Amino acid sequence: MGTARSFGIVKLLAIAGVTIAVALMIYVMAARATAAPMALLYADLTLADGAEVADALEADGAKHEIREANGKVAVYVPANERARLKLLLAADGFVASSSVVGYEIFDGQDALGVTSFQQDINKLRAL
């Protein structure tokens, strides 16, 4: 105890602060290491579709992350829950309106300005 008194109050508080900070960093790193990795459930959703997915996941009580960039939304869920949640949303009838590519790809095109190559590619995408 005599050695501790020789440090003074400022040095003792500094040592205690550093010890607490190191313990907190170890705890945070351990918590992140044991957390389930997040996997992409849906990407490039509109904001409305992203809100619909988030509402369904919250109703199920599923952990999820919403990430937004450039007006598009990506939904991430724990990797071990991805398949179950995808089936849950499919059973609820969720189909991302922004991700459907079928023959409607031809509806938004000017027929005179499309090359035959673009038409062939769009036909493959529609199928």
C-alpha atoms as a PDB file:
ATOM      1  CA  MET A   1       0.000   0.000   0.000  1.00  0.00           C
ATOM      2  CA  GLY A   2       2.965   2.274   0.578  1.00  0.00           C
ATOM      3  CA  THR A   3       3.924   1.987  -3.088  1.00  0.00           C
ATOM      4  CA  ALA A   4       0.434   3.029  -4.196  1.00  0.00           C
ATOM      5  CA  ARG A   5       0.615   6.165  -2.015  1.00  0.00           C
ATOM      6  CA  SER A   6       3.882   7.143  -3.617  1.00  0.00           C
ATOM      7  CA  PHE A   7       2.154   7.432  -7.022  1.00  0.00           C
ATOM      8  CA  GLY A   8      -0.200  10.204  -5.934  1.00  0.00           C
ATOM      9  CA  ILE A   9      -3.910  10.574  -6.640  1.00  0.00           C
ATOM     10  CA  VAL A  10      -3.548  11.739 -10.266  1.00  0.00           C
ATOM     11  CA  LYS A  11      -1.434   8.761 -11.307  1.00  0.00           C
ATOM     12  CA  LEU A  12      -3.742   6.331  -9.478  1.00  0.00           C
ATOM     13  CA  LEU A  13      -6.790   7.780 -11.261  1.00  0.00           C
ATOM     14  CA  ALA A  14      -4.950   7.536 -14.597  1.00  0.00           C
ATOM     15  CA  ILE A  15      -4.067   3.883 -13.952  1.00  0.00           C
ATOM     16  CA  ALA A  16      -7.665   3.124 -12.943  1.00  0.00           C
ATOM     17  CA  GLY A  17      -8.973   4.893 -16.068  1.00  0.00           C
ATOM     18  CA  VAL A  18      -6.651   2.978 -18.377  1.00  0.00           C
ATOM     19  CA  THR A  19      -7.566  -0.307 -16.675  1.00  0.00           C
ATOM     20  CA  ILE A  20     -11.295   0.383 -17.127  1.00  0.00           C
ATOM     21  CA  ALA A  21     -10.772   1.414 -20.767  1.00  0.00           C
ATOM     22  CA  VAL A  22      -8.817  -1.770 -21.550  1.00  0.00           C
ATOM     23  CA  ALA A  23     -11.451  -3.931 -19.839  1.00  0.00           C
ATOM     24  CA  LEU A  24     -14.201  -2.174 -21.816  1.00  0.00           C
ATOM     25  CA  MET A  25     -12.338  -2.694 -25.107  1.00  0.00           C
ATOM     26  CA  ILE A  26     -11.881  -6.397 -24.351  1.00  0.00           C
ATOM     27  CA  TYR A  27     -15.597  -6.715 -23.572  1.00  0.00           C
ATOM     28  CA  VAL A  28     -16.644  -4.947 -26.796  1.00  0.00           C
ATOM     29  CA  MET A  29     -14.280  -7.045 -28.914  1.00  0.00           C
ATOM     30  CA  ALA A  30     -15.530 -10.259 -27.314  1.00  0.00           C
ATOM     31  CA  ALA A  31     -19.157  -9.240 -27.850  1.00  0.00           C
ATOM     32  CA  ARG A  32     -18.537  -8.467 -31.525  1.00  0.00           C
ATOM     33  CA  ALA A  33     -16.604 -11.699 -32.065  1.00  0.00           C
ATOM     34  CA  THR A  34     -19.413 -13.842 -30.688  1.00  0.00           C
ATOM     35  CA  ALA A  35     -22.215 -12.003 -32.526  1.00  0.00           C
ATOM     36  CA  ALA A  36     -23.751 -13.815 -35.478  1.00  0.00           C
ATOM     37  CA  PRO A  37     -22.438 -12.501 -38.796  1.00  0.00           C
ATOM     38  CA  MET A  38     -24.979 -10.549 -40.804  1.00  0.00           C
ATOM     39  CA  ALA A  39     -25.977 -11.755 -44.278  1.00  0.00           C
ATOM     40  CA  LEU A  40     -27.701  -9.844 -47.051  1.00  0.00           C
ATOM     41  CA  LEU A  41     -31.414 -10.627 -47.268  1.00  0.00           C
ATOM     42  CA  TYR A  42     -32.478  -8.085 -49.902  1.00  0.00           C
ATOM     43  CA  ALA A  43     -30.562  -5.394 -51.795  1.00  0.00           C
ATOM     44  CA  ASP A  44     -31.478  -2.433 -53.995  1.00  0.00           C
ATOM     45  CA  LEU A  45     -34.950  -2.072 -52.508  1.00  0.00           C
ATOM     46  CA  THR A  46     -36.953   1.103 -52.755  1.00  0.00           C
ATOM     47  CA  LEU A  47     -37.590   2.909 -49.485  1.00  0.00           C
ATOM     48  CA  ALA A  48     -41.204   1.665 -49.484  1.00  0.00           C
ATOM     49  CA  ASP A  49     -40.152  -1.958 -50.018  1.00  0.00           C
ATOM     50  CA  GLY A  50     -37.466  -1.598 -47.339  1.00  0.00           C
ATOM     51  CA  ALA A  51     -40.055  -0.321 -44.870  1.00  0.00           C
ATOM     52  CA  GLU A  52     -42.346  -3.255 -45.705  1.00  0.00           C
ATOM     53  CA  VAL A  53     -39.543  -5.761 -45.082  1.00  0.00           C
ATOM     54  CA  ALA A  54     -38.512  -4.028 -41.848  1.00  0.00           C
ATOM     55  CA  ASP A  55     -42.113  -4.093 -40.568  1.00  0.00           C
ATOM     56  CA  ALA A  56     -42.420  -7.819 -41.296  1.00  0.00           C
ATOM     57  CA  LEU A  57     -39.101  -8.582 -39.602  1.00  0.00           C
ATOM     58  CA  GLU A  58     -40.027  -6.503 -36.543  1.00  0.00           C
ATOM     59  CA  ALA A  59     -43.379  -8.289 -36.310  1.00  0.00           C
ATOM     60  CA  ASP A  60     -41.472 -11.589 -36.291  1.00  0.00           C
ATOM     61  CA  GLY A  61     -39.036 -10.243 -33.699  1.00  0.00           C
ATOM     62  CA  ALA A  62     -36.059 -10.908 -35.952  1.00  0.00           C
ATOM     63  CA  LYS A  63     -32.841  -8.961 -35.542  1.00  0.00           C
ATOM     64  CA  HIS A  64     -32.046  -6.959 -38.678  1.00  0.00           C
ATOM     65  CA  GLU A  65     -30.014  -4.037 -39.991  1.00  0.00           C
ATOM     66  CA  ILE A  66     -31.150  -1.547 -42.595  1.00  0.00           C
ATOM     67  CA  ARG A  67     -28.427   0.125 -44.642  1.00  0.00           C
ATOM     68  CA  GLU A  68     -29.277   2.907 -47.062  1.00  0.00           C
ATOM     69  CA  ALA A  69     -27.132   4.277 -49.872  1.00  0.00           C
ATOM     70  CA  ASN A  70     -28.073   6.399 -52.882  1.00  0.00           C
ATOM     71  CA  GLY A  71     -31.796   6.100 -52.217  1.00  0.00           C
ATOM     72  CA  LYS A  72     -31.675   2.290 -52.196  1.00  0.00           C
ATOM     73  CA  VAL A  73     -32.057   0.063 -49.152  1.00  0.00           C
ATOM     74  CA  ALA A  74     -30.272  -3.159 -48.208  1.00  0.00           C
ATOM     75  CA  VAL A  75     -31.592  -5.423 -45.447  1.00  0.00           C
ATOM     76  CA  TYR A  76     -29.187  -7.603 -43.443  1.00  0.00           C
ATOM     77  CA  VAL A  77     -30.165 -10.390 -41.042  1.00  0.00           C
ATOM     78  CA  PRO A  78     -28.154 -12.926 -39.010  1.00  0.00           C
ATOM     79  CA  ALA A  79     -26.626 -15.459 -41.406  1.00  0.00           C
ATOM     80  CA  ASN A  80     -28.117 -18.437 -39.577  1.00  0.00           C
ATOM     81  CA  GLU A  81     -31.638 -16.915 -39.879  1.00  0.00           C
ATOM     82  CA  ARG A  82     -31.449 -15.821 -43.536  1.00  0.00           C
ATOM     83  CA  ALA A  83     -33.200 -18.794 -45.162  1.00  0.00           C
ATOM     84  CA  ARG A  84     -36.015 -18.880 -42.596  1.00  0.00           C
ATOM     85  CA  LEU A  85     -36.663 -15.151 -42.893  1.00  0.00           C
ATOM     86  CA  LYS A  86     -36.591 -15.253 -46.691  1.00  0.00           C
ATOM     87  CA  LEU A  87     -39.234 -18.004 -46.604  1.00  0.00           C
ATOM     88  CA  LEU A  88     -41.253 -16.070 -44.024  1.00  0.00           C
ATOM     89  CA  LEU A  89     -41.346 -13.004 -46.254  1.00  0.00           C
ATOM     90  CA  ALA A  90     -42.199 -15.123 -49.292  1.00  0.00           C
ATOM     91  CA  ALA A  91     -45.067 -16.742 -47.373  1.00  0.00           C
ATOM     92  CA  ASP A  92     -46.339 -13.261 -46.488  1.00  0.00           C
ATOM     93  CA  GLY A  93     -46.366 -12.478 -50.207  1.00  0.00           C
ATOM     94  CA  PHE A  94     -43.497 -10.008 -50.268  1.00  0.00           C
ATOM     95  CA  VAL A  95     -42.033  -9.487 -53.697  1.00  0.00           C
ATOM     96  CA  ALA A  96     -39.709  -6.547 -54.117  1.00  0.00           C
ATOM     97  CA  SER A  97     -41.373  -4.424 -56.772  1.00  0.00           C
ATOM     98  CA  SER A  98     -38.024  -2.892 -57.673  1.00  0.00           C
ATOM     99  CA  SER A  99     -36.297  -6.244 -58.131  1.00  0.00           C
ATOM    100  CA  VAL A 100     -38.782  -7.969 -60.437  1.00  0.00           C
ATOM    101  CA  VAL A 101     -37.382  -8.341 -63.915  1.00  0.00           C
ATOM    102  CA  GLY A 102     -39.638 -10.082 -66.357  1.00  0.00           C
ATOM    103  CA  TYR A 103     -41.233  -9.129 -69.642  1.00  0.00           C
ATOM    104  CA  GLU A 104     -42.130  -5.747 -68.127  1.00  0.00           C
ATOM    105  CA  ILE A 105     -38.527  -4.771 -68.892  1.00  0.00           C
ATOM    106  CA  PHE A 106     -39.750  -4.078 -72.437  1.00  0.00           C
ATOM    107  CA  ASP A 107     -42.500  -1.687 -71.281  1.00  0.00           C
ATOM    108  CA  GLY A 108     -40.175   1.200 -70.461  1.00  0.00           C
ATOM    109  CA  GLN A 109     -38.183   1.183 -73.702  1.00  0.00           C
ATOM    110  CA  ASP A 110     -38.487   3.089 -76.915  1.00  0.00           C
ATOM    111  CA  ALA A 111     -38.711   0.416 -79.611  1.00  0.00           C
ATOM    112  CA  LEU A 112     -36.932   2.559 -82.200  1.00  0.00           C
ATOM    113  CA  GLY A 113     -33.896   3.348 -80.041  1.00  0.00           C
ATOM    114  CA  VAL A 114     -32.996  -0.186 -78.965  1.00  0.00           C
ATOM    115  CA  THR A 115     -30.421  -2.240 -80.819  1.00  0.00           C
ATOM    116  CA  SER A 116     -30.999  -5.891 -81.580  1.00  0.00           C
ATOM    117  CA  PHE A 117     -28.225  -6.757 -79.113  1.00  0.00           C
ATOM    118  CA  GLN A 118     -30.024  -4.879 -76.320  1.00  0.00           C
ATOM    119  CA  GLN A 119     -33.259  -6.643 -77.246  1.00  0.00           C
ATOM    120  CA  ASP A 120     -31.531 -10.036 -77.061  1.00  0.00           C
ATOM    121  CA  ILE A 121     -30.013  -9.221 -73.660  1.00  0.00           C
ATOM    122  CA  ASN A 122     -33.351  -7.987 -72.329  1.00  0.00           C
ATOM    123  CA  LYS A 123     -35.052 -11.125 -73.614  1.00  0.00           C
ATOM    124  CA  LEU A 124     -32.544 -13.236 -71.663  1.00  0.00           C
ATOM    125  CA  ARG A 125     -33.104 -11.101 -68.549  1.00  0.00           C
ATOM    126  CA  ALA A 126     -36.873 -11.430 -68.900  1.00  0.00           C
ATOM    127  CA  LEU A 127     -36.693 -15.198 -69.034  1.00  0.00           C
END
